[in-house]
Amino acid sequence: MVASEPTTRTALVLHGGGGPRTIAPIAEHLSGAMRVIAPTHPGWEGTPRPGRIDSVSALATHYLDQLRERGEHDVVLVGSSLGGWIALEMALHAAADARYAGVVGAVVDIDGVGAVVDGEPIADFFALDARGLAQAAWHDPDRGYIDPATLTEEQRALQRSNGQAMAAVAGTAMSDPTLLARLGAIAVPTLVVHGASDRIVTPAYGRSVADAIPGAAFAEVAAAGHLPHLEAPQATWSVIDPFLAAI
């Protein structure tokens, strides 16, 4: 885990399938008021993935164990996409296992995947080409599109490796049919943030996730897709910052 200099409360910022670069603006923004830990998931960016980390649940336990060993308490979990699912699983584990009592203090789920919501399917991420991914994930697809022809072989290999790690941990459906029904056990303040133009998981999907969590708030960010902190950062901070200030 890589951490900023200590300030006050700790935030654990969890990236999605695109890797740690996708959550760098979140980590930078929060570091002004919090101690930020922004790990690279095992298996991403060429890092080793132990065989025991073969599911989102196992990855959630991995991070909770690290936080507990560090003596962390009341940690704010901030997760984007796959990271949002990991954060929810961490909150569920912490609510059910006395070993993690007090470790998790709040959750911010940004366009998280993981749940199965009737009528709101998760886009088939692994079937999308670069253009299709940009169209599904971005309010402005031209801004998000990366022409594969411009990538080096090393960059393409890293993309493939990250995709393999995501499939191994999250499955190709990027969901757990039991998750939605289990969310009622989350016992910490939770904010679900969703880009209004997201077509990986729609805003209606995000509302259903928020509705399943006792007391959770839902906020929609205009003119943004699956990564609102990249497309509309100021609008994203305007919904996250008041939530964090109030908990």
C-alpha atoms as a PDB file:
ATOM      1  CA  MET A   1       0.000   0.000   0.000  1.00  0.00           C
ATOM      2  CA  VAL A   2       1.171   3.518  -0.807  1.00  0.00           C
ATOM      3  CA  ALA A   3       0.075   6.238   1.586  1.00  0.00           C
ATOM      4  CA  SER A   4       0.244   9.999   1.734  1.00  0.00           C
ATOM      5  CA  GLU A   5       1.629  11.757   4.771  1.00  0.00           C
ATOM      6  CA  PRO A   6      -0.568  11.349   7.839  1.00  0.00           C
ATOM      7  CA  THR A   7      -3.130  14.064   8.460  1.00  0.00           C
ATOM      8  CA  THR A   8      -6.359  13.019  10.159  1.00  0.00           C
ATOM      9  CA  ARG A   9      -8.787  10.299   9.126  1.00  0.00           C
ATOM     10  CA  THR A  10      -7.666   7.565   6.726  1.00  0.00           C
ATOM     11  CA  ALA A  11      -9.210   6.989   3.306  1.00  0.00           C
ATOM     12  CA  LEU A  12      -8.602   3.767   1.389  1.00  0.00           C
ATOM     13  CA  VAL A  13      -9.080   4.523  -2.319  1.00  0.00           C
ATOM     14  CA  LEU A  14      -9.770   1.448  -4.465  1.00  0.00           C
ATOM     15  CA  HIS A  15      -9.384   1.445  -8.239  1.00  0.00           C
ATOM     16  CA  GLY A  16     -11.396  -0.354 -10.887  1.00  0.00           C
ATOM     17  CA  GLY A  17     -10.364  -2.490 -13.824  1.00  0.00           C
ATOM     18  CA  GLY A  18      -8.497   0.372 -15.477  1.00  0.00           C
ATOM     19  CA  GLY A  19      -5.866   0.378 -12.751  1.00  0.00           C
ATOM     20  CA  PRO A  20      -4.536   2.894 -10.223  1.00  0.00           C
ATOM     21  CA  ARG A  21      -4.246   5.775 -12.690  1.00  0.00           C
ATOM     22  CA  THR A  22      -8.029   5.964 -12.868  1.00  0.00           C
ATOM     23  CA  ILE A  23      -8.354   6.925  -9.206  1.00  0.00           C
ATOM     24  CA  ALA A  24      -5.329   9.239  -8.965  1.00  0.00           C
ATOM     25  CA  PRO A  25      -7.532  12.397  -8.943  1.00  0.00           C
ATOM     26  CA  ILE A  26      -9.558  11.011  -6.020  1.00  0.00           C
ATOM     27  CA  ALA A  27      -6.445  10.257  -4.014  1.00  0.00           C
ATOM     28  CA  GLU A  28      -5.017  13.694  -4.753  1.00  0.00           C
ATOM     29  CA  HIS A  29      -8.244  15.475  -3.833  1.00  0.00           C
ATOM     30  CA  LEU A  30      -8.718  13.632  -0.548  1.00  0.00           C
ATOM     31  CA  SER A  31      -5.083  13.964   0.487  1.00  0.00           C
ATOM     32  CA  GLY A  32      -5.652  17.614   1.346  1.00  0.00           C
ATOM     33  CA  ALA A  33      -7.728  16.652   4.375  1.00  0.00           C
ATOM     34  CA  MET A  34      -7.155  12.934   4.954  1.00  0.00           C
ATOM     35  CA  ARG A  35      -4.437  10.325   5.099  1.00  0.00           C
ATOM     36  CA  VAL A  36      -4.822   8.480   1.794  1.00  0.00           C
ATOM     37  CA  ILE A  37      -3.911   4.876   1.046  1.00  0.00           C
ATOM     38  CA  ALA A  38      -4.211   3.984  -2.649  1.00  0.00           C
ATOM     39  CA  PRO A  39      -3.074   0.410  -3.310  1.00  0.00           C
ATOM     40  CA  THR A  40      -2.655  -1.396  -6.604  1.00  0.00           C
ATOM     41  CA  HIS A  41      -4.740  -4.562  -6.485  1.00  0.00           C
ATOM     42  CA  PRO A  42      -2.724  -7.787  -6.630  1.00  0.00           C
ATOM     43  CA  GLY A  43      -2.454  -8.851 -10.275  1.00  0.00           C
ATOM     44  CA  TRP A  44      -2.773  -5.365 -11.738  1.00  0.00           C
ATOM     45  CA  GLU A  45       0.075  -3.417 -13.334  1.00  0.00           C
ATOM     46  CA  GLY A  46       2.242  -6.520 -13.473  1.00  0.00           C
ATOM     47  CA  THR A  47       2.102  -7.195  -9.721  1.00  0.00           C
ATOM     48  CA  PRO A  48       1.794 -10.780  -8.460  1.00  0.00           C
ATOM     49  CA  ARG A  49      -1.620 -12.130  -7.472  1.00  0.00           C
ATOM     50  CA  PRO A  50      -1.517 -14.852  -4.804  1.00  0.00           C
ATOM     51  CA  GLY A  51      -3.737 -17.799  -5.656  1.00  0.00           C
ATOM     52  CA  ARG A  52      -5.822 -17.218  -2.537  1.00  0.00           C
ATOM     53  CA  ILE A  53      -7.037 -13.890  -3.978  1.00  0.00           C
ATOM     54  CA  ASP A  54      -9.514 -15.409  -6.401  1.00  0.00           C
ATOM     55  CA  SER A  55     -12.638 -13.370  -5.671  1.00  0.00           C
ATOM     56  CA  VAL A  56     -13.774  -9.917  -4.613  1.00  0.00           C
ATOM     57  CA  SER A  57     -14.580 -11.351  -1.184  1.00  0.00           C
ATOM     58  CA  ALA A  58     -11.005 -12.609  -0.827  1.00  0.00           C
ATOM     59  CA  LEU A  59      -9.628  -9.239  -1.938  1.00  0.00           C
ATOM     60  CA  ALA A  60     -11.867  -7.491   0.608  1.00  0.00           C
ATOM     61  CA  THR A  61     -10.490  -9.713   3.364  1.00  0.00           C
ATOM     62  CA  HIS A  62      -6.951  -9.031   2.129  1.00  0.00           C
ATOM     63  CA  TYR A  63      -7.407  -5.281   2.547  1.00  0.00           C
ATOM     64  CA  LEU A  64      -9.218  -5.564   5.879  1.00  0.00           C
ATOM     65  CA  ASP A  65      -6.378  -7.683   7.237  1.00  0.00           C
ATOM     66  CA  GLN A  66      -3.847  -5.093   6.110  1.00  0.00           C
ATOM     67  CA  LEU A  67      -5.810  -2.258   7.698  1.00  0.00           C
ATOM     68  CA  ARG A  68      -6.201  -4.187  10.956  1.00  0.00           C
ATOM     69  CA  GLU A  69      -2.500  -5.015  11.066  1.00  0.00           C
ATOM     70  CA  ARG A  70      -1.731  -1.311  10.635  1.00  0.00           C
ATOM     71  CA  GLY A  71      -4.031  -0.452  13.542  1.00  0.00           C
ATOM     72  CA  GLU A  72      -6.382   1.558  11.326  1.00  0.00           C
ATOM     73  CA  HIS A  73      -9.856   2.527  12.566  1.00  0.00           C
ATOM     74  CA  ASP A  74     -12.852   4.380  11.133  1.00  0.00           C
ATOM     75  CA  VAL A  75     -11.451   4.189   7.606  1.00  0.00           C
ATOM     76  CA  VAL A  76     -13.382   5.775   4.736  1.00  0.00           C
ATOM     77  CA  LEU A  77     -13.533   3.356   1.813  1.00  0.00           C
ATOM     78  CA  VAL A  78     -13.740   5.090  -1.564  1.00  0.00           C
ATOM     79  CA  GLY A  79     -14.097   2.743  -4.513  1.00  0.00           C
ATOM     80  CA  SER A  80     -14.539   3.302  -8.237  1.00  0.00           C
ATOM     81  CA  SER A  81     -16.207   0.636 -10.423  1.00  0.00           C
ATOM     82  CA  LEU A  82     -14.718  -2.697  -9.278  1.00  0.00           C
ATOM     83  CA  GLY A  83     -13.295  -0.752  -6.335  1.00  0.00           C
ATOM     84  CA  GLY A  84     -16.827   0.172  -5.300  1.00  0.00           C
ATOM     85  CA  TRP A  85     -17.751  -3.503  -5.150  1.00  0.00           C
ATOM     86  CA  ILE A  86     -14.648  -4.233  -3.064  1.00  0.00           C
ATOM     87  CA  ALA A  87     -15.586  -1.409  -0.675  1.00  0.00           C
ATOM     88  CA  LEU A  88     -19.111  -2.797  -0.224  1.00  0.00           C
ATOM     89  CA  GLU A  89     -17.731  -6.277   0.473  1.00  0.00           C
ATOM     90  CA  MET A  90     -15.290  -4.822   2.999  1.00  0.00           C
ATOM     91  CA  ALA A  91     -18.147  -3.070   4.803  1.00  0.00           C
ATOM     92  CA  LEU A  92     -20.144  -6.311   4.838  1.00  0.00           C
ATOM     93  CA  HIS A  93     -17.206  -8.334   6.172  1.00  0.00           C
ATOM     94  CA  ALA A  94     -16.532  -5.712   8.836  1.00  0.00           C
ATOM     95  CA  ALA A  95     -20.164  -5.824   9.971  1.00  0.00           C
ATOM     96  CA  ALA A  96     -20.112  -9.617  10.263  1.00  0.00           C
ATOM     97  CA  ASP A  97     -16.650 -10.336  11.700  1.00  0.00           C
ATOM     98  CA  ALA A  98     -15.628  -9.079  15.136  1.00  0.00           C
ATOM     99  CA  ARG A  99     -11.965  -9.064  14.073  1.00  0.00           C
ATOM    100  CA  TYR A 100     -12.708  -6.022  11.918  1.00  0.00           C
ATOM    101  CA  ALA A 101     -14.922  -4.151  14.360  1.00  0.00           C
ATOM    102  CA  GLY A 102     -14.366  -0.419  14.002  1.00  0.00           C
ATOM    103  CA  VAL A 103     -12.024  -0.686  11.014  1.00  0.00           C
ATOM    104  CA  VAL A 104     -14.534   0.626   8.443  1.00  0.00           C
ATOM    105  CA  GLY A 105     -16.179   3.975   9.130  1.00  0.00           C
ATOM    106  CA  ALA A 106     -17.905   4.910   5.857  1.00  0.00           C
ATOM    107  CA  VAL A 107     -18.212   3.960   2.189  1.00  0.00           C
ATOM    108  CA  VAL A 108     -18.249   6.031  -0.995  1.00  0.00           C
ATOM    109  CA  ASP A 109     -19.195   3.818  -3.951  1.00  0.00           C
ATOM    110  CA  ILE A 110     -18.524   5.549  -7.283  1.00  0.00           C
ATOM    111  CA  ASP A 111     -20.280   3.810 -10.204  1.00  0.00           C
ATOM    112  CA  GLY A 112     -19.623   0.483  -8.541  1.00  0.00           C
ATOM    113  CA  VAL A 113     -20.373  -2.867 -10.139  1.00  0.00           C
ATOM    114  CA  GLY A 114     -21.022  -6.156  -8.332  1.00  0.00           C
ATOM    115  CA  ALA A 115     -24.773  -6.304  -7.754  1.00  0.00           C
ATOM    116  CA  VAL A 116     -27.320  -7.964 -10.008  1.00  0.00           C
ATOM    117  CA  VAL A 117     -30.241  -5.573 -10.523  1.00  0.00           C
ATOM    118  CA  ASP A 118     -33.317  -6.710 -12.433  1.00  0.00           C
ATOM    119  CA  GLY A 119     -33.715  -4.778 -15.672  1.00  0.00           C
ATOM    120  CA  GLU A 120     -30.354  -3.000 -15.306  1.00  0.00           C
ATOM    121  CA  PRO A 121     -27.660  -5.354 -16.609  1.00  0.00           C
ATOM    122  CA  ILE A 122     -23.976  -4.608 -16.280  1.00  0.00           C
ATOM    123  CA  ALA A 123     -22.442  -3.999 -19.697  1.00  0.00           C
ATOM    124  CA  ASP A 124     -20.398  -6.894 -21.053  1.00  0.00           C
ATOM    125  CA  PHE A 125     -17.084  -5.185 -20.457  1.00  0.00           C
ATOM    126  CA  PHE A 126     -15.014  -8.035 -21.884  1.00  0.00           C
ATOM    127  CA  ALA A 127     -16.928  -8.014 -25.182  1.00  0.00           C
ATOM    128  CA  LEU A 128     -16.390  -4.301 -25.835  1.00  0.00           C
ATOM    129  CA  ASP A 129     -13.697  -3.014 -28.161  1.00  0.00           C
ATOM    130  CA  ALA A 130     -11.956   0.282 -27.440  1.00  0.00           C
ATOM    131  CA  ARG A 131     -14.601   2.378 -29.213  1.00  0.00           C
ATOM    132  CA  GLY A 132     -17.467   0.490 -27.574  1.00  0.00           C
ATOM    133  CA  LEU A 133     -15.889   0.884 -24.152  1.00  0.00           C
ATOM    134  CA  ALA A 134     -15.529   4.639 -24.617  1.00  0.00           C
ATOM    135  CA  GLN A 135     -19.165   4.907 -25.691  1.00  0.00           C
ATOM    136  CA  ALA A 136     -20.369   2.937 -22.672  1.00  0.00           C
ATOM    137  CA  ALA A 137     -18.106   4.494 -20.067  1.00  0.00           C
ATOM    138  CA  TRP A 138     -17.853   8.177 -21.020  1.00  0.00           C
ATOM    139  CA  HIS A 139     -20.292  11.049 -21.371  1.00  0.00           C
ATOM    140  CA  ASP A 140     -17.972  12.283 -24.127  1.00  0.00           C
ATOM    141  CA  PRO A 141     -16.763   9.096 -25.879  1.00  0.00           C
ATOM    142  CA  ASP A 142     -14.220  11.006 -27.971  1.00  0.00           C
ATOM    143  CA  ARG A 143     -12.496  12.093 -24.789  1.00  0.00           C
ATOM    144  CA  GLY A 144     -12.322   8.568 -23.416  1.00  0.00           C
ATOM    145  CA  TYR A 145     -11.377   6.721 -26.606  1.00  0.00           C
ATOM    146  CA  ILE A 146      -7.819   5.465 -26.879  1.00  0.00           C
ATOM    147  CA  ASP A 147      -6.881   4.176 -30.314  1.00  0.00           C
ATOM    148  CA  PRO A 148      -5.271   0.750 -29.773  1.00  0.00           C
ATOM    149  CA  ALA A 149      -2.927   1.491 -32.685  1.00  0.00           C
ATOM    150  CA  THR A 150      -1.279   4.233 -30.614  1.00  0.00           C
ATOM    151  CA  LEU A 151      -0.347   1.853 -27.782  1.00  0.00           C
ATOM    152  CA  THR A 152       3.007   0.179 -27.464  1.00  0.00           C
ATOM    153  CA  GLU A 153       3.201  -3.601 -27.232  1.00  0.00           C
ATOM    154  CA  GLU A 154       4.115  -3.194 -23.559  1.00  0.00           C
ATOM    155  CA  GLN A 155       0.969  -1.121 -22.943  1.00  0.00           C
ATOM    156  CA  ARG A 156      -1.195  -3.657 -24.770  1.00  0.00           C
ATOM    157  CA  ALA A 157       0.324  -6.473 -22.752  1.00  0.00           C
ATOM    158  CA  LEU A 158      -0.407  -4.602 -19.528  1.00  0.00           C
ATOM    159  CA  GLN A 159      -4.026  -4.075 -20.593  1.00  0.00           C
ATOM    160  CA  ARG A 160      -4.382  -7.790 -21.285  1.00  0.00           C
ATOM    161  CA  SER A 161      -2.809  -8.667 -17.947  1.00  0.00           C
ATOM    162  CA  ASN A 162      -5.106  -6.283 -16.068  1.00  0.00           C
ATOM    163  CA  GLY A 163      -8.110  -7.757 -17.858  1.00  0.00           C
ATOM    164  CA  GLN A 164      -7.035 -11.269 -16.899  1.00  0.00           C
ATOM    165  CA  ALA A 165      -6.646 -10.210 -13.256  1.00  0.00           C
ATOM    166  CA  MET A 166     -10.101  -8.628 -13.272  1.00  0.00           C
ATOM    167  CA  ALA A 167     -11.690 -11.736 -14.768  1.00  0.00           C
ATOM    168  CA  ALA A 168      -9.957 -13.919 -12.177  1.00  0.00           C
ATOM    169  CA  VAL A 169     -11.138 -11.788  -9.251  1.00  0.00           C
ATOM    170  CA  ALA A 170     -14.512 -10.433 -10.391  1.00  0.00           C
ATOM    171  CA  GLY A 171     -15.562 -12.954 -13.048  1.00  0.00           C
ATOM    172  CA  THR A 172     -16.484 -11.992 -16.584  1.00  0.00           C
ATOM    173  CA  ALA A 173     -19.982 -10.935 -15.438  1.00  0.00           C
ATOM    174  CA  MET A 174     -18.432  -8.592 -12.824  1.00  0.00           C
ATOM    175  CA  SER A 175     -21.234  -9.420 -10.406  1.00  0.00           C
ATOM    176  CA  ASP A 176     -22.353 -11.586  -7.506  1.00  0.00           C
ATOM    177  CA  PRO A 177     -26.044 -12.581  -7.545  1.00  0.00           C
ATOM    178  CA  THR A 178     -26.088 -12.568  -3.718  1.00  0.00           C
ATOM    179  CA  LEU A 179     -24.683  -9.066  -3.219  1.00  0.00           C
ATOM    180  CA  LEU A 180     -27.830  -6.944  -3.523  1.00  0.00           C
ATOM    181  CA  ALA A 181     -29.698  -8.956  -0.900  1.00  0.00           C
ATOM    182  CA  ARG A 182     -26.736  -8.766   1.496  1.00  0.00           C
ATOM    183  CA  LEU A 183     -26.314  -4.985   1.347  1.00  0.00           C
ATOM    184  CA  GLY A 184     -28.850  -4.474   4.113  1.00  0.00           C
ATOM    185  CA  ALA A 185     -26.202  -5.573   6.600  1.00  0.00           C
ATOM    186  CA  ILE A 186     -23.948  -2.573   5.907  1.00  0.00           C
ATOM    187  CA  ALA A 187     -23.876  -0.563   9.110  1.00  0.00           C
ATOM    188  CA  VAL A 188     -21.807   2.520   8.225  1.00  0.00           C
ATOM    189  CA  PRO A 189     -22.718   5.763   6.403  1.00  0.00           C
ATOM    190  CA  THR A 190     -22.703   5.127   2.668  1.00  0.00           C
ATOM    191  CA  LEU A 191     -22.829   7.381  -0.378  1.00  0.00           C
ATOM    192  CA  VAL A 192     -23.458   5.968  -3.851  1.00  0.00           C
ATOM    193  CA  VAL A 193     -22.244   8.349  -6.584  1.00  0.00           C
ATOM    194  CA  HIS A 194     -23.155   7.793 -10.206  1.00  0.00           C
ATOM    195  CA  GLY A 195     -22.357   9.492 -13.491  1.00  0.00           C
ATOM    196  CA  ALA A 196     -25.609  10.387 -15.256  1.00  0.00           C
ATOM    197  CA  SER A 197     -24.305   9.130 -18.602  1.00  0.00           C
ATOM    198  CA  ASP A 198     -22.829   5.848 -17.376  1.00  0.00           C
ATOM    199  CA  ARG A 199     -23.802   2.914 -19.578  1.00  0.00           C
ATOM    200  CA  ILE A 200     -21.559   0.353 -17.886  1.00  0.00           C
ATOM    201  CA  VAL A 201     -23.958   0.468 -14.938  1.00  0.00           C
ATOM    202  CA  THR A 202     -26.821   2.941 -15.279  1.00  0.00           C
ATOM    203  CA  PRO A 203     -27.926   5.521 -12.708  1.00  0.00           C
ATOM    204  CA  ALA A 204     -31.023   3.370 -12.095  1.00  0.00           C
ATOM    205  CA  TYR A 205     -28.669   0.536 -11.175  1.00  0.00           C
ATOM    206  CA  GLY A 206     -26.880   2.827  -8.723  1.00  0.00           C
ATOM    207  CA  ARG A 207     -30.145   3.926  -7.142  1.00  0.00           C
ATOM    208  CA  SER A 208     -31.103   0.294  -6.587  1.00  0.00           C
ATOM    209  CA  VAL A 209     -27.789  -0.327  -4.833  1.00  0.00           C
ATOM    210  CA  ALA A 210     -28.288   2.730  -2.625  1.00  0.00           C
ATOM    211  CA  ASP A 211     -31.862   1.713  -1.832  1.00  0.00           C
ATOM    212  CA  ALA A 212     -30.616  -1.667  -0.595  1.00  0.00           C
ATOM    213  CA  ILE A 213     -28.250  -0.089   1.970  1.00  0.00           C
ATOM    214  CA  PRO A 214     -29.866   1.268   5.161  1.00  0.00           C
ATOM    215  CA  GLY A 215     -29.655   5.064   5.213  1.00  0.00           C
ATOM    216  CA  ALA A 216     -27.480   5.305   2.112  1.00  0.00           C
ATOM    217  CA  ALA A 217     -27.493   8.495   0.062  1.00  0.00           C
ATOM    218  CA  PHE A 218     -27.477   8.607  -3.733  1.00  0.00           C
ATOM    219  CA  ALA A 219     -26.009  11.405  -5.852  1.00  0.00           C
ATOM    220  CA  GLU A 220     -25.947  11.738  -9.632  1.00  0.00           C
ATOM    221  CA  VAL A 221     -23.209  13.687 -11.411  1.00  0.00           C
ATOM    222  CA  ALA A 222     -24.300  15.406 -14.629  1.00  0.00           C
ATOM    223  CA  ALA A 223     -22.259  15.253 -17.841  1.00  0.00           C
ATOM    224  CA  ALA A 224     -20.212  12.307 -16.610  1.00  0.00           C
ATOM    225  CA  GLY A 225     -20.041   8.589 -17.241  1.00  0.00           C
ATOM    226  CA  HIS A 226     -18.476   5.664 -15.397  1.00  0.00           C
ATOM    227  CA  LEU A 227     -15.569   7.729 -14.056  1.00  0.00           C
ATOM    228  CA  PRO A 228     -17.174  11.022 -12.987  1.00  0.00           C
ATOM    229  CA  HIS A 229     -14.055  12.060 -11.092  1.00  0.00           C
ATOM    230  CA  LEU A 230     -12.232  12.153 -14.445  1.00  0.00           C
ATOM    231  CA  GLU A 231     -14.936  13.800 -16.570  1.00  0.00           C
ATOM    232  CA  ALA A 232     -16.525  16.158 -14.049  1.00  0.00           C
ATOM    233  CA  PRO A 233     -14.207  16.359 -11.038  1.00  0.00           C
ATOM    234  CA  GLN A 234     -15.583  19.523  -9.451  1.00  0.00           C
ATOM    235  CA  ALA A 235     -19.155  18.260  -9.655  1.00  0.00           C
ATOM    236  CA  THR A 236     -17.993  14.959  -8.152  1.00  0.00           C
ATOM    237  CA  TRP A 237     -16.228  16.651  -5.233  1.00  0.00           C
ATOM    238  CA  SER A 238     -19.346  18.770  -4.660  1.00  0.00           C
ATOM    239  CA  VAL A 239     -21.301  15.643  -3.702  1.00  0.00           C
ATOM    240  CA  ILE A 240     -18.518  13.710  -1.961  1.00  0.00           C
ATOM    241  CA  ASP A 241     -17.090  16.510   0.196  1.00  0.00           C
ATOM    242  CA  PRO A 242     -20.324  17.380   2.071  1.00  0.00           C
ATOM    243  CA  PHE A 243     -20.899  13.687   2.794  1.00  0.00           C
ATOM    244  CA  LEU A 244     -17.419  13.302   4.245  1.00  0.00           C
ATOM    245  CA  ALA A 245     -17.748  16.515   6.247  1.00  0.00           C
ATOM    246  CA  ALA A 246     -20.958  15.252   7.855  1.00  0.00           C
ATOM    247  CA  ILE A 247     -19.737  11.842   9.037  1.00  0.00           C
END
